Amino acid sequence: QVQLVESGGGLVQPGGSLELSCTASGVIFSNAAMGWYRQAPGKQRELVATITAGGGSTYYTDYVKGRFTISRDNAKNTVLLTMNSLKPEDTAVYYCKCYYGLGHYWGQGTQVTVSA
């Protein structure tokens, strides 16, 4: 059974930083591509960033490029999202996604609120 557990969300002021963590179990983590998505109130869930199984390639949507960094530690079954220069429009529930075999799996989400 695949499980993804996110942590690291919280309240931060504009311009601040947060690091989200997602730990996976029930998968051979080094065989899984991983991604971060987010969903703001009243909006659809949207892609933020992805990273390949080996970590050699990453993708960022334009609105986070240069501010967010996705990384992974395959020894710890963990993927991170380091978020800098946060803006109020980054406020959302952030979800970890695991692409494994023919399926994909979601974490439960962690709230990020950017507000003064």
N, C-alpha and C. Protein backbone atom coordinates (compact mmCIF):
# COMPACT_ATOMS: atom_id res chain seq x y z
N GLN A 1 0.84 -1.20 0.00
CA GLN A 1 0.00 0.00 0.00
C GLN A 1 0.88 1.24 0.00
N VAL A 2 0.65 2.10 -0.98
CA VAL A 2 1.45 3.31 -1.10
C VAL A 2 0.90 4.37 -0.15
N GLN A 3 1.79 4.97 0.61
CA GLN A 3 1.40 6.08 1.49
C GLN A 3 2.38 7.22 1.31
N LEU A 4 1.84 8.43 1.27
CA LEU A 4 2.64 9.64 1.17
C LEU A 4 2.23 10.55 2.33
N VAL A 5 3.21 11.01 3.07
CA VAL A 5 2.94 11.87 4.21
C VAL A 5 3.70 13.17 4.05
N GLU A 6 2.94 14.28 3.94
CA GLU A 6 3.56 15.60 3.79
C GLU A 6 3.69 16.27 5.14
N SER A 7 4.66 17.16 5.23
CA SER A 7 4.82 17.99 6.42
C SER A 7 5.55 19.26 6.03
N GLY A 8 5.54 20.23 6.95
CA GLY A 8 6.31 21.45 6.75
C GLY A 8 5.50 22.68 6.41
N GLY A 9 4.21 22.53 6.23
CA GLY A 9 3.39 23.70 5.93
C GLY A 9 3.25 24.60 7.14
N GLY A 10 2.65 25.77 6.90
CA GLY A 10 2.44 26.70 8.00
C GLY A 10 2.16 28.10 7.50
N LEU A 11 2.24 29.04 8.43
CA LEU A 11 2.01 30.46 8.13
C LEU A 11 3.35 31.16 8.00
N VAL A 12 3.52 31.92 6.94
CA VAL A 12 4.77 32.65 6.71
C VAL A 12 4.43 34.01 6.13
N GLN A 13 5.28 34.98 6.42
CA GLN A 13 5.08 36.32 5.88
C GLN A 13 5.53 36.39 4.43
N PRO A 14 4.97 37.31 3.67
CA PRO A 14 5.45 37.50 2.28
C PRO A 14 6.96 37.74 2.26
N GLY A 15 7.61 37.09 1.30
CA GLY A 15 9.06 37.16 1.20
C GLY A 15 9.78 36.10 1.99
N GLY A 16 9.05 35.36 2.80
CA GLY A 16 9.65 34.32 3.63
C GLY A 16 9.85 33.01 2.90
N SER A 17 10.29 32.01 3.66
CA SER A 17 10.62 30.70 3.09
C SER A 17 9.98 29.59 3.91
N LEU A 18 9.70 28.49 3.23
CA LEU A 18 9.25 27.27 3.87
C LEU A 18 9.81 26.09 3.10
N GLU A 19 9.96 24.96 3.79
CA GLU A 19 10.37 23.73 3.12
C GLU A 19 9.35 22.65 3.43
N LEU A 20 8.76 22.10 2.37
CA LEU A 20 7.81 21.01 2.51
C LEU A 20 8.54 19.69 2.30
N SER A 21 8.09 18.68 3.02
CA SER A 21 8.67 17.35 2.91
C SER A 21 7.57 16.33 2.66
N CYS A 22 7.88 15.33 1.86
CA CYS A 22 6.94 14.24 1.59
C CYS A 22 7.72 12.94 1.67
N THR A 23 7.28 12.07 2.57
CA THR A 23 7.93 10.77 2.74
C THR A 23 7.01 9.68 2.23
N ALA A 24 7.56 8.80 1.41
CA ALA A 24 6.78 7.74 0.78
C ALA A 24 7.10 6.39 1.40
N SER A 25 6.09 5.53 1.43
CA SER A 25 6.27 4.15 1.83
C SER A 25 5.42 3.28 0.91
N GLY A 26 5.80 2.01 0.84
CA GLY A 26 5.05 1.08 -0.01
C GLY A 26 5.45 1.13 -1.46
N VAL A 27 6.56 1.82 -1.77
CA VAL A 27 7.06 1.89 -3.14
C VAL A 27 8.57 1.70 -3.12
N ILE A 28 9.10 1.32 -4.29
CA ILE A 28 10.55 1.40 -4.49
C ILE A 28 10.81 2.83 -4.93
N PHE A 29 11.17 3.66 -3.97
CA PHE A 29 11.16 5.11 -4.17
C PHE A 29 12.04 5.53 -5.33
N SER A 30 13.15 4.86 -5.51
CA SER A 30 14.09 5.23 -6.58
C SER A 30 13.52 4.93 -7.97
N ASN A 31 12.38 4.26 -8.03
CA ASN A 31 11.70 3.99 -9.30
C ASN A 31 10.52 4.92 -9.54
N ALA A 32 10.30 5.86 -8.64
CA ALA A 32 9.11 6.71 -8.69
C ALA A 32 9.46 8.14 -9.02
N ALA A 33 8.86 8.68 -10.07
CA ALA A 33 8.92 10.12 -10.27
C ALA A 33 7.98 10.77 -9.25
N MET A 34 8.30 11.98 -8.86
CA MET A 34 7.53 12.66 -7.81
C MET A 34 7.15 14.07 -8.26
N GLY A 35 6.10 14.58 -7.68
CA GLY A 35 5.66 15.93 -8.02
C GLY A 35 5.01 16.62 -6.85
N TRP A 36 4.96 17.92 -6.92
CA TRP A 36 4.21 18.75 -5.98
C TRP A 36 3.14 19.50 -6.75
N TYR A 37 1.95 19.51 -6.20
CA TYR A 37 0.81 20.24 -6.75
C TYR A 37 0.27 21.14 -5.65
N ARG A 38 -0.60 22.06 -6.03
CA ARG A 38 -1.24 22.88 -5.02
C ARG A 38 -2.66 23.23 -5.45
N GLN A 39 -3.48 23.52 -4.46
CA GLN A 39 -4.87 23.89 -4.73
C GLN A 39 -5.26 25.03 -3.80
N ALA A 40 -5.55 26.16 -4.40
CA ALA A 40 -6.01 27.32 -3.65
C ALA A 40 -7.53 27.26 -3.52
N PRO A 41 -8.09 27.93 -2.54
CA PRO A 41 -9.56 27.92 -2.37
C PRO A 41 -10.28 28.36 -3.63
N GLY A 42 -11.24 27.58 -4.07
CA GLY A 42 -12.03 27.93 -5.24
C GLY A 42 -11.35 27.71 -6.57
N LYS A 43 -10.16 27.12 -6.54
CA LYS A 43 -9.42 26.90 -7.78
C LYS A 43 -9.12 25.42 -7.97
N GLN A 44 -8.76 25.08 -9.19
CA GLN A 44 -8.40 23.70 -9.48
C GLN A 44 -6.99 23.42 -8.98
N ARG A 45 -6.74 22.14 -8.72
CA ARG A 45 -5.39 21.73 -8.34
C ARG A 45 -4.47 21.93 -9.53
N GLU A 46 -3.27 22.45 -9.26
CA GLU A 46 -2.34 22.75 -10.35
C GLU A 46 -0.95 22.22 -10.04
N LEU A 47 -0.22 21.91 -11.10
CA LEU A 47 1.14 21.40 -10.97
C LEU A 47 2.07 22.52 -10.52
N VAL A 48 2.97 22.18 -9.62
CA VAL A 48 4.00 23.13 -9.19
C VAL A 48 5.37 22.71 -9.72
N ALA A 49 5.75 21.46 -9.48
CA ALA A 49 7.07 21.00 -9.88
C ALA A 49 7.09 19.47 -9.91
N THR A 50 8.00 18.93 -10.73
CA THR A 50 8.20 17.49 -10.76
C THR A 50 9.70 17.17 -10.79
N ILE A 51 10.01 15.93 -10.42
CA ILE A 51 11.39 15.47 -10.44
C ILE A 51 11.39 14.01 -10.87
N THR A 52 12.34 13.64 -11.71
CA THR A 52 12.42 12.26 -12.19
C THR A 52 12.88 11.32 -11.08
N ALA A 53 12.75 10.03 -11.35
CA ALA A 53 13.06 9.02 -10.33
C ALA A 53 14.49 9.13 -9.82
N GLY A 54 15.40 9.37 -10.72
CA GLY A 54 16.80 9.48 -10.32
C GLY A 54 17.20 10.86 -9.85
N GLY A 55 16.30 11.81 -10.02
CA GLY A 55 16.58 13.18 -9.59
C GLY A 55 17.35 14.02 -10.59
N GLY A 56 17.60 13.46 -11.76
CA GLY A 56 18.44 14.16 -12.71
C GLY A 56 17.74 15.23 -13.52
N SER A 57 16.42 15.24 -13.47
CA SER A 57 15.68 16.22 -14.26
C SER A 57 14.51 16.76 -13.44
N THR A 58 14.32 18.05 -13.53
CA THR A 58 13.22 18.71 -12.82
C THR A 58 12.42 19.59 -13.78
N TYR A 59 11.21 19.89 -13.36
CA TYR A 59 10.34 20.77 -14.14
C TYR A 59 9.62 21.70 -13.17
N TYR A 60 9.50 22.96 -13.55
CA TYR A 60 8.78 23.94 -12.73
C TYR A 60 7.81 24.72 -13.61
N THR A 61 6.65 25.01 -13.05
CA THR A 61 5.77 25.90 -13.77
C THR A 61 6.32 27.33 -13.65
N ASP A 62 5.92 28.17 -14.57
CA ASP A 62 6.52 29.50 -14.69
C ASP A 62 6.36 30.33 -13.42
N TYR A 63 5.23 30.16 -12.72
CA TYR A 63 4.98 31.07 -11.59
C TYR A 63 5.81 30.73 -10.36
N VAL A 64 6.55 29.60 -10.37
CA VAL A 64 7.42 29.30 -9.24
C VAL A 64 8.88 29.21 -9.64
N LYS A 65 9.15 29.26 -10.93
CA LYS A 65 10.51 29.12 -11.42
C LYS A 65 11.41 30.21 -10.81
N GLY A 66 12.55 29.79 -10.32
CA GLY A 66 13.47 30.74 -9.70
C GLY A 66 13.22 30.97 -8.22
N ARG A 67 12.06 30.53 -7.73
CA ARG A 67 11.73 30.71 -6.30
C ARG A 67 11.65 29.38 -5.56
N PHE A 68 11.16 28.35 -6.23
CA PHE A 68 10.98 27.04 -5.60
C PHE A 68 12.01 26.06 -6.15
N THR A 69 12.40 25.11 -5.31
CA THR A 69 13.32 24.05 -5.72
C THR A 69 12.78 22.71 -5.25
N ILE A 70 12.66 21.76 -6.18
CA ILE A 70 12.28 20.40 -5.83
C ILE A 70 13.54 19.55 -5.78
N SER A 71 13.63 18.69 -4.77
CA SER A 71 14.79 17.80 -4.64
C SER A 71 14.32 16.51 -3.98
N ARG A 72 15.18 15.50 -4.00
CA ARG A 72 14.80 14.24 -3.39
C ARG A 72 16.01 13.57 -2.77
N ASP A 73 15.73 12.74 -1.77
CA ASP A 73 16.75 11.92 -1.13
C ASP A 73 16.22 10.49 -1.20
N ASN A 74 16.73 9.73 -2.15
CA ASN A 74 16.21 8.37 -2.34
C ASN A 74 16.55 7.45 -1.18
N ALA A 75 17.59 7.77 -0.43
CA ALA A 75 17.95 6.95 0.73
C ALA A 75 16.93 7.11 1.86
N LYS A 76 16.22 8.25 1.86
CA LYS A 76 15.24 8.54 2.90
C LYS A 76 13.81 8.49 2.40
N ASN A 77 13.62 8.09 1.12
CA ASN A 77 12.29 8.03 0.52
C ASN A 77 11.56 9.37 0.64
N THR A 78 12.29 10.46 0.44
CA THR A 78 11.75 11.78 0.70
C THR A 78 11.95 12.71 -0.48
N VAL A 79 10.92 13.50 -0.76
CA VAL A 79 11.03 14.57 -1.74
C VAL A 79 10.73 15.88 -1.01
N LEU A 80 11.50 16.91 -1.35
CA LEU A 80 11.38 18.21 -0.70
C LEU A 80 10.93 19.26 -1.70
N LEU A 81 10.25 20.27 -1.19
CA LEU A 81 9.96 21.46 -1.98
C LEU A 81 10.41 22.65 -1.15
N THR A 82 11.49 23.29 -1.56
CA THR A 82 12.00 24.46 -0.87
C THR A 82 11.43 25.69 -1.54
N MET A 83 10.73 26.50 -0.76
CA MET A 83 10.01 27.64 -1.31
C MET A 83 10.57 28.93 -0.72
N ASN A 84 11.08 29.78 -1.59
CA ASN A 84 11.62 31.06 -1.19
C ASN A 84 10.82 32.20 -1.81
N SER A 85 11.01 33.39 -1.28
CA SER A 85 10.33 34.59 -1.81
C SER A 85 8.83 34.34 -1.96
N LEU A 86 8.25 33.81 -0.93
CA LEU A 86 6.83 33.45 -0.99
C LEU A 86 5.94 34.68 -1.13
N LYS A 87 4.86 34.48 -1.89
CA LYS A 87 3.90 35.54 -2.17
C LYS A 87 2.52 35.13 -1.64
N PRO A 88 1.66 36.07 -1.36
CA PRO A 88 0.30 35.70 -0.90
C PRO A 88 -0.40 34.76 -1.87
N GLU A 89 -0.13 34.91 -3.16
CA GLU A 89 -0.78 34.03 -4.14
C GLU A 89 -0.26 32.60 -4.12
N ASP A 90 0.78 32.34 -3.33
CA ASP A 90 1.26 30.96 -3.14
C ASP A 90 0.44 30.23 -2.07
N THR A 91 -0.46 30.93 -1.42
CA THR A 91 -1.30 30.31 -0.40
C THR A 91 -2.16 29.22 -1.02
N ALA A 92 -2.07 28.01 -0.46
CA ALA A 92 -2.78 26.86 -1.00
C ALA A 92 -2.51 25.65 -0.12
N VAL A 93 -3.25 24.58 -0.39
CA VAL A 93 -2.89 23.28 0.14
C VAL A 93 -1.94 22.64 -0.87
N TYR A 94 -0.80 22.20 -0.38
CA TYR A 94 0.21 21.60 -1.25
C TYR A 94 0.16 20.08 -1.09
N TYR A 95 0.14 19.40 -2.25
CA TYR A 95 0.02 17.96 -2.28
C TYR A 95 1.24 17.34 -2.94
N CYS A 96 1.68 16.24 -2.39
CA CYS A 96 2.74 15.43 -2.97
C CYS A 96 2.08 14.36 -3.86
N LYS A 97 2.70 14.09 -5.00
CA LYS A 97 2.18 13.06 -5.91
C LYS A 97 3.30 12.13 -6.31
N CYS A 98 2.99 10.84 -6.32
CA CYS A 98 3.95 9.80 -6.66
C CYS A 98 3.49 9.11 -7.94
N TYR A 99 4.36 9.07 -8.93
CA TYR A 99 4.09 8.39 -10.18
C TYR A 99 4.84 7.06 -10.13
N TYR A 100 4.09 5.96 -9.99
CA TYR A 100 4.76 4.68 -9.74
C TYR A 100 4.07 3.60 -10.54
N GLY A 101 4.85 2.92 -11.39
CA GLY A 101 4.27 1.89 -12.23
C GLY A 101 3.21 2.49 -13.13
N LEU A 102 2.05 1.88 -13.16
CA LEU A 102 0.95 2.37 -14.00
C LEU A 102 0.02 3.31 -13.24
N GLY A 103 0.34 3.57 -11.99
CA GLY A 103 -0.56 4.39 -11.18
C GLY A 103 0.08 5.66 -10.66
N HIS A 104 -0.73 6.45 -9.98
CA HIS A 104 -0.22 7.61 -9.28
C HIS A 104 -0.96 7.73 -7.96
N TYR A 105 -0.31 8.34 -6.99
CA TYR A 105 -0.81 8.38 -5.63
C TYR A 105 -0.61 9.77 -5.06
N TRP A 106 -1.54 10.15 -4.17
CA TRP A 106 -1.53 11.48 -3.58
C TRP A 106 -1.34 11.42 -2.07
N GLY A 107 -0.69 12.43 -1.54
CA GLY A 107 -0.65 12.62 -0.11
C GLY A 107 -1.89 13.35 0.34
N GLN A 108 -1.96 13.62 1.65
CA GLN A 108 -3.15 14.23 2.22
C GLN A 108 -3.13 15.75 2.13
N GLY A 109 -1.99 16.32 1.83
CA GLY A 109 -1.87 17.76 1.68
C GLY A 109 -1.40 18.45 2.94
N THR A 110 -0.74 19.59 2.74
CA THR A 110 -0.30 20.42 3.86
C THR A 110 -0.57 21.87 3.50
N GLN A 111 -1.13 22.62 4.45
CA GLN A 111 -1.54 24.00 4.19
C GLN A 111 -0.35 24.95 4.26
N VAL A 112 -0.25 25.79 3.26
CA VAL A 112 0.73 26.88 3.26
C VAL A 112 -0.05 28.19 3.15
N THR A 113 0.17 29.07 4.11
CA THR A 113 -0.50 30.37 4.12
C THR A 113 0.56 31.47 4.15
N VAL A 114 0.51 32.34 3.15
CA VAL A 114 1.44 33.46 3.07
C VAL A 114 0.66 34.74 3.34
N SER A 115 0.93 35.33 4.49
CA SER A 115 0.15 36.50 4.90
C SER A 115 0.94 37.32 5.90
N ALA A 116 0.74 38.64 5.83
CA ALA A 116 1.36 39.52 6.81
C ALA A 116 0.53 39.55 8.09
